[in-house]
Structure formats: C-alpha cells, structure tokens
C-alpha cells in the first residue's frame, strides 16, 4: 500500500444560535478534513479543527511531498520526517498539519492489517469508554446561563451521566450556575466546567471557590494555555483538579506543565498535538507523573472516532466521578459534522462503544460532505 494523493476537504457550518464560551461567541465552525488515498483505493482520514486554512497551505507546500509515494505503515518514520521540517512553528498550524496526516496514516496502516487503530498501536484496554456531554454553552444577552436547565435536562434524557458546561461569566455567576445545576442533576452525575482560558489566575481562584460546593471533577483551562505560572497558582489554591492542554502541541510543552505541577488532568487534542504518534508521547509523560490523560475532542466525526481509539489505550485512573478515567468528550450542540454516521448517544451506562473495525471504524465517503463543503484540493 502506497499513498497516491492527498485530498483536502474544507467544511463548515453556522451554528444557530451561535454558541459561546467566556472568551468568544462561535458564529461559524470550520474544519479541514484530510483524506489520504492509496493505490489500493482505501482512504484514511484526519482532521484540523483549529487553523484549517493555514494547515492546508502547509500540507500542500511542505508535507504532501514527504508522504506521497510512501507506505502508511511507516507512520512513525514519516512523523519524524515531518517534524524535522517544523522550523520555528512548533506549536501552531504546522503541527496541526502533521497531526491530520498522522491520523490518516495510522488509519490506513490499521486498515491494511485489517485491525483497529487501537490494535495497531498495541491493543486496547477496554471495549467501551465513559462519555461526557460537552455543554451547554454560553449565549448572548443578559442571561448567558439562562437556558442551561433546559439543555441539561435534554442531555440527561439522552443518557449522559457527566456534563461540562461553559463557565467564566463572573465568579459569583459561575457559583450560582453550578449550584443550580448540581441541584438539578443530583449527586451521582459528574460535573466539570470549562472556562476556555478566560480568567486571570486570581479570578479563576475566586470562581473555583464559588463553585467548590458543587463537587466538580475538574476546572478546565482556567487561564491562558501558556500561563504556566497562572495554572500553578490556581492548582495550589483550590481543591478541585485543574485540567488543560488542548492548545498545547508538543511533548515539550506538556513537560513544562508537568514539571511546574500546574495540571492534574492532561487533555491533548489529536488534531493539535501530533496525531496518534504525538498523543502517545504525551501519554508516556502522563504515566511518568502518574496523572490521568484523556483526549480533548470538539469537532467532526473524524476526530471523535480517533478519540475513541486512543481512549482504548489509556490506563484507568480514579478521579472520584461516576466512572474511572479516561472519559471521552461529546459535543452536545447541534453539530451536523459529528452526526455523519448517525447521532452520537451514550448507552444506558453512559458509555460509548469503541469500534473494533479496521482503522477507526469510520465509514465516510467524501460525497457526504457536500452540504458543508466550500472547497476541495488534491495533491499528487
């Protein structure tokens, strides 16, 4: 099996209404879905959810020539060859481009052997993984949390036993929102919050203290991703676990975080940190520090399927919630690119089945992207 061409599909949609976090309102969601095609007719898929246009340009100008003509089974060597050409862009679109290519190459290497990606990478530890609903989201207006009760009730009916609302409006508002949510869901449902980098360390500590009585599993991205000192300050001041890492793109970045003792839960994103190959290097660091790690995922069905596969490989860690870690994040907003294979819904026990099928278990034909596609390009 050899790579013959790379196809980039630019897709996106307009959320209605716009969904938001404490830092921004998301009025359009754009992605690059990368299809790596082989001489056998098989396709492997990767995704870029941040900086899709910049990553596409780098793939077309720099990385396609590294991959085309090569065997996907050489994914580790190809990853090293691509990383060798990063230059100064070690945590930005270049690594996102490499991430998408690595995801697709591992998908193809597993398909060639007739096994799942988890089996290709050493064998899974579980056949299902606990899922948490990512949402509800902040809306515009005078009452940004006002719709949360309705959204939470809907998520509970869909089977979620853990939820991660967006927070960060103000410490007092955060505390009131979480108190109401805990009262609504009861003591057995896992709750965590995502502040999306919006606070200073001092404000994050004030918010955490307001929310402490609501028994949170973690507080995610309380400050900016490179504010290691701020993360450490928050981690030392509050009893709730501090999580983050979706915006970090290298093992070196996570090393610095771990040495500073600034996170209790690591959340690298496969589309940012170097695909499967980069994620597993970060997972080795997590193991060295005996900390839980789980994939951040907030995009299309491509990264969702990849996150299921990598979740199969991670050792269990008890974090005090309704199930041992790892958990898998599921976007509970109206996301048509997540439901390309049907609605993603947890089982009665709050879990998702991890596909034991060739590759990631993704059955995707590019023609199904047409309603959301703005451009397609091909490298040969």
Foldseek 3Di string as FASTA:
>chain_A
DAFAKKKKFKFKDAFVVFFAFQPDTHGMWIKIWMWTADPVGDTFIFIARPPHVVLVVCCQPPLVVLGGGDQLLCLVVSLVVQQVPCPPVQQDSSLLNLLGVSLRSLLVNLVVVWWESLVVVPHFPDQKFFAEEEDDGFDDDDCRCVCVLVLVVVQVVLQALEYEYHDAPFLQVLLVSLVVVCVSNDDARAYEYENPQNDFLVRLLSNLVSNVVSPHLEYENSHDLQPLVSLLSSCVRHDHFYEYACSGAALVSVVVSVVSVRGQEYEHASSRHRHPVRVVSNLVVCVVSVGHYAYDDDAALSSQLSRLSVQRHHDWACRPHNGTDDYYYDHPGPDVRHQLVHDDGADNSNIDGQDGGRRSPDDDDVVSSVVGTDDMDMDD
